[in-house]
Amino acid sequence: MKLSIKVKARAKQENVKETGDNSLEVWVRELAQKGQANQAVIKAIAKHLKITQNKVKILRGQTSSCKVVAIDSAISWLNGFC
C-alpha cells in the first residue's frame, strides 16, 4: 500500500492526521537535515499504524516535504487500511 504524506518538520508537537484515503499529514520535531526528519516520519507513521518501523519505506520525496511512503502490504490489511 502507498500513502501520500505531507511533512511539517520542526513542529512543536509530533502528530499524525489522516487527511483522506491513503494520505496523511505528519508533524515531527526533528530538523529536515541529514535524514533526521525522514527517520522521525517513519517512526511516527509506524506508531500511528501500530506496525514496526521496518514495514515503512519512503519511496519518493527524500528531500521534499511531500513524500510517497510504502507500507508492507502483508500487514496493512490487518489494520484496515486496504
Protein backbone atom coordinates (compact mmCIF):
# COMPACT_ATOMS: atom_id res chain seq x y z
CA MET A 1 0.00 0.00 0.00
CA LYS A 2 1.21 3.51 -0.79
CA LEU A 3 0.47 6.65 1.20
CA SER A 4 0.90 10.29 0.22
CA ILE A 5 2.47 12.20 3.09
CA LYS A 6 2.77 15.93 3.77
CA VAL A 7 5.51 16.52 6.35
CA LYS A 8 5.93 19.51 8.64
CA ALA A 9 9.39 19.46 10.22
CA ARG A 10 10.37 21.41 13.36
CA ALA A 11 6.84 21.21 14.76
CA LYS A 12 6.18 21.91 18.42
CA GLN A 13 4.42 18.56 18.83
CA GLU A 14 4.56 15.31 16.93
CA ASN A 15 1.25 14.35 15.36
CA VAL A 16 -0.24 12.28 12.53
CA LYS A 17 -3.53 13.25 10.91
CA GLU A 18 -5.40 11.30 8.25
CA THR A 19 -6.44 13.76 5.54
CA GLY A 20 -8.16 11.36 3.17
CA ASP A 21 -7.89 7.94 1.62
CA ASN A 22 -4.21 6.98 1.59
CA SER A 23 -2.99 10.41 2.65
CA LEU A 24 -1.58 11.73 5.92
CA GLU A 25 -0.14 14.89 7.40
CA VAL A 26 2.77 14.24 9.73
CA TRP A 27 4.30 16.75 12.15
CA VAL A 28 7.76 15.92 13.53
CA ARG A 29 10.06 17.83 15.87
CA GLU A 30 13.31 16.95 14.09
CA LEU A 31 15.08 19.19 11.60
CA ALA A 32 14.89 18.44 7.90
CA GLN A 33 18.65 17.80 7.78
CA LYS A 34 20.69 14.65 7.22
CA GLY A 35 17.60 12.42 7.16
CA GLN A 36 16.58 13.25 10.73
CA ALA A 37 13.04 14.26 9.78
CA ASN A 38 12.66 11.28 7.43
CA GLN A 39 13.51 8.85 10.21
CA ALA A 40 11.08 10.64 12.52
CA VAL A 41 8.36 10.41 9.84
CA ILE A 42 8.89 6.65 9.55
CA LYS A 43 8.71 6.30 13.32
CA ALA A 44 5.54 8.44 13.58
CA ILE A 45 3.74 6.57 10.78
CA ALA A 46 4.68 3.19 12.24
CA LYS A 47 3.40 4.25 15.66
CA HIS A 48 0.17 5.63 14.16
CA LEU A 49 -0.50 2.43 12.18
CA LYS A 50 0.69 0.22 15.05
CA ILE A 51 3.31 -1.56 12.94
CA THR A 52 7.08 -1.89 13.15
CA GLN A 53 9.30 0.72 11.55
CA ASN A 54 10.84 -1.76 9.12
CA LYS A 55 7.40 -2.08 7.43
CA VAL A 56 7.53 1.61 6.37
CA LYS A 57 9.71 2.83 3.50
CA ILE A 58 9.97 6.23 1.81
CA LEU A 59 9.69 5.68 -1.95
CA ARG A 60 9.80 9.28 -3.18
CA GLY A 61 10.46 12.66 -1.64
CA GLN A 62 13.62 12.06 0.38
CA THR A 63 14.40 15.78 0.22
CA SER A 64 10.85 17.11 -0.08
CA SER A 65 8.04 17.76 2.36
CA CYS A 66 5.72 15.80 0.05
CA LYS A 67 6.52 12.09 0.20
CA VAL A 68 5.22 8.76 -1.04
CA VAL A 69 5.57 6.03 1.55
CA ALA A 70 5.11 2.29 1.08
CA ILE A 71 3.59 0.15 3.81
CA ASP A 72 4.27 -3.60 3.73
CA SER A 73 1.03 -4.98 2.30
CA ALA A 74 1.30 -8.23 4.25
CA ILE A 75 0.29 -6.42 7.45
CA SER A 76 -1.67 -3.42 6.16
CA TRP A 77 -4.90 -5.40 5.72
CA LEU A 78 -4.77 -6.33 9.41
CA ASN A 79 -5.18 -2.68 10.35
CA GLY A 80 -7.99 -1.99 7.86
CA PHE A 81 -6.05 0.36 5.59
CA CYS A 82 -6.51 -1.54 2.29
